[in-house]
Amino acid sequence: MRPPRYAAFRWASQAPGADLAPGHTTLVEFFVADAAGGVSVTVVESGFSALDVPEQVRQNQLKDNTGGWSQELDSLRKRAEEPAPA
């Protein structure tokens, strides 16, 4: 972590409970940058090609996670745009 601009973690979605070892995880990185009127958040998830799973599972995981991050970032944007509680 390099607050407040960068954070990363390993995600073992294909091997729940397994050690965070090569072949079991992807790397998820969050980059925060100043933008006009606020900030931008970019998420990069990498390492799908190194997962120890059949190719079809790998492709499905990539597709599912790509869609999932779009939903998560949309939710983050909506929360950031909400007025602060009084």
N, C-alpha and C. Protein backbone atom coordinates (compact mmCIF):
# COMPACT_ATOMS: atom_id res chain seq x y z
N MET A 1 0.84 -1.19 0.00
CA MET A 1 0.00 0.00 0.00
C MET A 1 0.88 1.24 0.00
N ARG A 2 0.40 2.24 -0.73
CA ARG A 2 1.01 3.56 -0.73
C ARG A 2 -0.13 4.57 -0.62
N PRO A 3 -0.73 4.68 0.59
CA PRO A 3 -1.85 5.59 0.76
C PRO A 3 -1.45 7.02 0.41
N PRO A 4 -2.30 7.82 -0.14
CA PRO A 4 -3.69 7.52 -0.51
C PRO A 4 -3.85 7.19 -1.99
N ARG A 5 -2.75 6.85 -2.70
CA ARG A 5 -2.81 6.72 -4.15
C ARG A 5 -2.82 5.30 -4.70
N TYR A 6 -2.42 4.31 -3.88
CA TYR A 6 -2.26 2.96 -4.42
C TYR A 6 -2.52 1.93 -3.33
N ALA A 7 -3.22 0.89 -3.70
CA ALA A 7 -3.41 -0.28 -2.83
C ALA A 7 -3.52 -1.51 -3.71
N ALA A 8 -3.08 -2.65 -3.20
CA ALA A 8 -3.14 -3.89 -3.96
C ALA A 8 -3.36 -5.06 -3.02
N PHE A 9 -3.98 -6.10 -3.54
CA PHE A 9 -4.14 -7.34 -2.77
C PHE A 9 -4.20 -8.51 -3.73
N ARG A 10 -3.97 -9.69 -3.18
CA ARG A 10 -4.09 -10.94 -3.94
C ARG A 10 -5.47 -11.51 -3.66
N TRP A 11 -6.12 -11.99 -4.71
CA TRP A 11 -7.46 -12.55 -4.60
C TRP A 11 -7.42 -14.00 -5.06
N ALA A 12 -7.84 -14.89 -4.17
CA ALA A 12 -7.83 -16.33 -4.46
C ALA A 12 -9.24 -16.82 -4.74
N SER A 13 -9.93 -16.21 -5.68
CA SER A 13 -11.32 -16.57 -5.94
C SER A 13 -11.48 -17.98 -6.49
N GLN A 14 -10.47 -18.51 -7.16
CA GLN A 14 -10.56 -19.87 -7.70
C GLN A 14 -10.10 -20.92 -6.69
N ALA A 15 -9.53 -20.48 -5.58
CA ALA A 15 -9.02 -21.43 -4.58
C ALA A 15 -9.30 -20.89 -3.18
N PRO A 16 -10.59 -20.74 -2.81
CA PRO A 16 -10.91 -20.19 -1.50
C PRO A 16 -10.23 -20.96 -0.38
N GLY A 17 -9.61 -20.22 0.54
CA GLY A 17 -8.96 -20.84 1.69
C GLY A 17 -7.55 -21.33 1.40
N ALA A 18 -7.14 -21.31 0.14
CA ALA A 18 -5.79 -21.77 -0.22
C ALA A 18 -4.77 -20.69 0.10
N ASP A 19 -3.53 -21.11 0.21
CA ASP A 19 -2.45 -20.15 0.37
C ASP A 19 -2.42 -19.22 -0.85
N LEU A 20 -1.98 -18.00 -0.61
CA LEU A 20 -1.89 -17.04 -1.70
C LEU A 20 -0.63 -17.32 -2.50
N ALA A 21 -0.66 -18.41 -3.23
CA ALA A 21 0.50 -18.89 -3.98
C ALA A 21 0.29 -18.68 -5.48
N PRO A 22 1.38 -18.66 -6.24
CA PRO A 22 1.25 -18.56 -7.70
C PRO A 22 0.32 -19.66 -8.22
N GLY A 23 -0.49 -19.29 -9.19
CA GLY A 23 -1.43 -20.24 -9.79
C GLY A 23 -2.78 -20.26 -9.10
N HIS A 24 -2.88 -19.61 -7.94
CA HIS A 24 -4.14 -19.59 -7.19
C HIS A 24 -4.74 -18.20 -7.07
N THR A 25 -3.99 -17.17 -7.46
CA THR A 25 -4.45 -15.81 -7.20
C THR A 25 -4.31 -14.91 -8.42
N THR A 26 -5.10 -13.85 -8.37
CA THR A 26 -4.89 -12.73 -9.27
C THR A 26 -4.45 -11.54 -8.41
N LEU A 27 -3.84 -10.56 -9.03
CA LEU A 27 -3.41 -9.35 -8.35
C LEU A 27 -4.41 -8.26 -8.68
N VAL A 28 -4.98 -7.63 -7.65
CA VAL A 28 -5.93 -6.54 -7.84
C VAL A 28 -5.26 -5.26 -7.34
N GLU A 29 -5.16 -4.27 -8.23
CA GLU A 29 -4.52 -3.01 -7.90
C GLU A 29 -5.51 -1.86 -8.07
N PHE A 30 -5.47 -0.92 -7.11
CA PHE A 30 -6.30 0.28 -7.14
C PHE A 30 -5.38 1.49 -7.26
N PHE A 31 -5.66 2.32 -8.26
CA PHE A 31 -4.89 3.53 -8.48
C PHE A 31 -5.85 4.72 -8.34
N VAL A 32 -5.51 5.67 -7.48
CA VAL A 32 -6.33 6.86 -7.25
C VAL A 32 -5.54 8.07 -7.74
N ALA A 33 -6.18 8.90 -8.56
CA ALA A 33 -5.52 10.09 -9.12
C ALA A 33 -6.46 11.28 -9.06
N ASP A 34 -5.89 12.46 -8.96
CA ASP A 34 -6.68 13.67 -9.02
C ASP A 34 -7.30 13.80 -10.41
N ALA A 35 -8.52 14.30 -10.44
CA ALA A 35 -9.23 14.53 -11.70
C ALA A 35 -10.02 15.82 -11.54
N ALA A 36 -10.45 16.38 -12.64
CA ALA A 36 -11.24 17.61 -12.60
C ALA A 36 -12.45 17.43 -11.69
N GLY A 37 -12.52 18.21 -10.64
CA GLY A 37 -13.67 18.16 -9.75
C GLY A 37 -13.70 16.98 -8.80
N GLY A 38 -12.64 16.20 -8.70
CA GLY A 38 -12.66 15.05 -7.79
C GLY A 38 -11.45 14.15 -7.99
N VAL A 39 -11.72 12.87 -8.00
CA VAL A 39 -10.65 11.88 -8.19
C VAL A 39 -11.12 10.82 -9.18
N SER A 40 -10.17 10.09 -9.71
CA SER A 40 -10.50 8.93 -10.53
C SER A 40 -9.92 7.70 -9.84
N VAL A 41 -10.62 6.59 -9.98
CA VAL A 41 -10.16 5.32 -9.42
C VAL A 41 -10.09 4.33 -10.57
N THR A 42 -8.92 3.71 -10.72
CA THR A 42 -8.72 2.70 -11.74
C THR A 42 -8.40 1.39 -11.04
N VAL A 43 -9.05 0.31 -11.47
CA VAL A 43 -8.79 -1.02 -10.93
C VAL A 43 -8.19 -1.86 -12.05
N VAL A 44 -7.08 -2.53 -11.73
CA VAL A 44 -6.44 -3.43 -12.68
C VAL A 44 -6.31 -4.79 -11.99
N GLU A 45 -6.91 -5.81 -12.57
CA GLU A 45 -6.78 -7.17 -12.04
C GLU A 45 -6.00 -7.97 -13.08
N SER A 46 -4.90 -8.55 -12.66
CA SER A 46 -4.03 -9.28 -13.58
C SER A 46 -3.70 -10.66 -13.02
N GLY A 47 -3.16 -11.49 -13.89
CA GLY A 47 -2.72 -12.82 -13.48
C GLY A 47 -3.64 -13.95 -13.88
N PHE A 48 -4.65 -13.67 -14.67
CA PHE A 48 -5.58 -14.73 -15.08
C PHE A 48 -4.88 -15.82 -15.87
N SER A 49 -3.92 -15.44 -16.71
CA SER A 49 -3.24 -16.44 -17.54
C SER A 49 -2.40 -17.41 -16.71
N ALA A 50 -2.07 -17.05 -15.48
CA ALA A 50 -1.25 -17.92 -14.63
C ALA A 50 -2.07 -18.80 -13.68
N LEU A 51 -3.40 -18.68 -13.72
CA LEU A 51 -4.24 -19.51 -12.84
C LEU A 51 -4.15 -20.98 -13.25
N ASP A 52 -4.04 -21.84 -12.25
CA ASP A 52 -3.98 -23.30 -12.49
C ASP A 52 -5.38 -23.88 -12.61
N VAL A 53 -6.08 -23.48 -13.66
CA VAL A 53 -7.44 -23.96 -13.93
C VAL A 53 -7.55 -24.18 -15.44
N PRO A 54 -8.55 -24.94 -15.86
CA PRO A 54 -8.76 -25.13 -17.31
C PRO A 54 -9.03 -23.78 -18.00
N GLU A 55 -8.69 -23.69 -19.27
CA GLU A 55 -8.82 -22.45 -20.03
C GLU A 55 -10.23 -21.88 -19.98
N GLN A 56 -11.26 -22.71 -20.08
CA GLN A 56 -12.63 -22.21 -20.05
C GLN A 56 -12.95 -21.57 -18.71
N VAL A 57 -12.49 -22.15 -17.62
CA VAL A 57 -12.70 -21.57 -16.29
C VAL A 57 -11.98 -20.24 -16.20
N ARG A 58 -10.77 -20.18 -16.72
CA ARG A 58 -9.98 -18.94 -16.73
C ARG A 58 -10.73 -17.84 -17.48
N GLN A 59 -11.24 -18.16 -18.66
CA GLN A 59 -11.96 -17.17 -19.46
C GLN A 59 -13.25 -16.71 -18.77
N ASN A 60 -13.96 -17.66 -18.15
CA ASN A 60 -15.18 -17.29 -17.42
C ASN A 60 -14.86 -16.38 -16.24
N GLN A 61 -13.78 -16.69 -15.53
CA GLN A 61 -13.38 -15.87 -14.38
C GLN A 61 -13.03 -14.45 -14.82
N LEU A 62 -12.30 -14.34 -15.91
CA LEU A 62 -11.95 -13.02 -16.45
C LEU A 62 -13.21 -12.24 -16.81
N LYS A 63 -14.13 -12.87 -17.50
CA LYS A 63 -15.38 -12.21 -17.89
C LYS A 63 -16.20 -11.79 -16.67
N ASP A 64 -16.37 -12.71 -15.72
CA ASP A 64 -17.15 -12.41 -14.52
C ASP A 64 -16.53 -11.29 -13.71
N ASN A 65 -15.22 -11.33 -13.53
CA ASN A 65 -14.56 -10.31 -12.72
C ASN A 65 -14.58 -8.95 -13.41
N THR A 66 -14.43 -8.93 -14.73
CA THR A 66 -14.50 -7.66 -15.45
C THR A 66 -15.86 -7.00 -15.24
N GLY A 67 -16.93 -7.77 -15.37
CA GLY A 67 -18.26 -7.24 -15.12
C GLY A 67 -18.46 -6.85 -13.67
N GLY A 68 -17.90 -7.63 -12.77
CA GLY A 68 -18.02 -7.34 -11.35
C GLY A 68 -17.35 -6.03 -10.97
N TRP A 69 -16.16 -5.78 -11.53
CA TRP A 69 -15.48 -4.52 -11.21
C TRP A 69 -16.24 -3.34 -11.75
N SER A 70 -16.88 -3.47 -12.90
CA SER A 70 -17.70 -2.38 -13.42
C SER A 70 -18.83 -2.04 -12.45
N GLN A 71 -19.46 -3.06 -11.91
CA GLN A 71 -20.55 -2.84 -10.94
C GLN A 71 -20.01 -2.22 -9.65
N GLU A 72 -18.88 -2.72 -9.16
CA GLU A 72 -18.30 -2.19 -7.92
C GLU A 72 -17.90 -0.72 -8.08
N LEU A 73 -17.28 -0.39 -9.20
CA LEU A 73 -16.87 1.00 -9.40
C LEU A 73 -18.07 1.92 -9.59
N ASP A 74 -19.13 1.44 -10.21
CA ASP A 74 -20.35 2.23 -10.33
C ASP A 74 -20.94 2.50 -8.95
N SER A 75 -20.94 1.49 -8.10
CA SER A 75 -21.43 1.66 -6.73
C SER A 75 -20.56 2.66 -5.95
N LEU A 76 -19.26 2.58 -6.13
CA LEU A 76 -18.34 3.52 -5.47
C LEU A 76 -18.63 4.95 -5.93
N ARG A 77 -18.82 5.13 -7.24
CA ARG A 77 -19.11 6.46 -7.77
C ARG A 77 -20.39 7.02 -7.17
N LYS A 78 -21.42 6.20 -7.09
CA LYS A 78 -22.71 6.66 -6.54
C LYS A 78 -22.56 7.06 -5.08
N ARG A 79 -21.83 6.27 -4.31
CA ARG A 79 -21.62 6.59 -2.89
C ARG A 79 -20.83 7.87 -2.73
N ALA A 80 -19.83 8.07 -3.59
CA ALA A 80 -19.00 9.27 -3.50
C ALA A 80 -19.80 10.53 -3.86
N GLU A 81 -20.81 10.38 -4.69
CA GLU A 81 -21.62 11.51 -5.11
C GLU A 81 -22.76 11.82 -4.15
N GLU A 82 -23.01 10.96 -3.18
CA GLU A 82 -24.09 11.21 -2.20
C GLU A 82 -23.71 12.38 -1.31
N PRO A 83 -24.71 13.19 -0.95
CA PRO A 83 -24.42 14.27 -0.01
C PRO A 83 -23.97 13.71 1.34
N ALA A 84 -23.07 14.43 1.99
CA ALA A 84 -22.60 14.00 3.31
C ALA A 84 -23.74 14.11 4.31
N PRO A 85 -23.82 13.17 5.26
CA PRO A 85 -24.87 13.25 6.29
C PRO A 85 -24.73 14.54 7.11
N ALA A 86 -25.85 15.06 7.51
CA ALA A 86 -25.84 16.31 8.31
C ALA A 86 -25.48 16.05 9.75
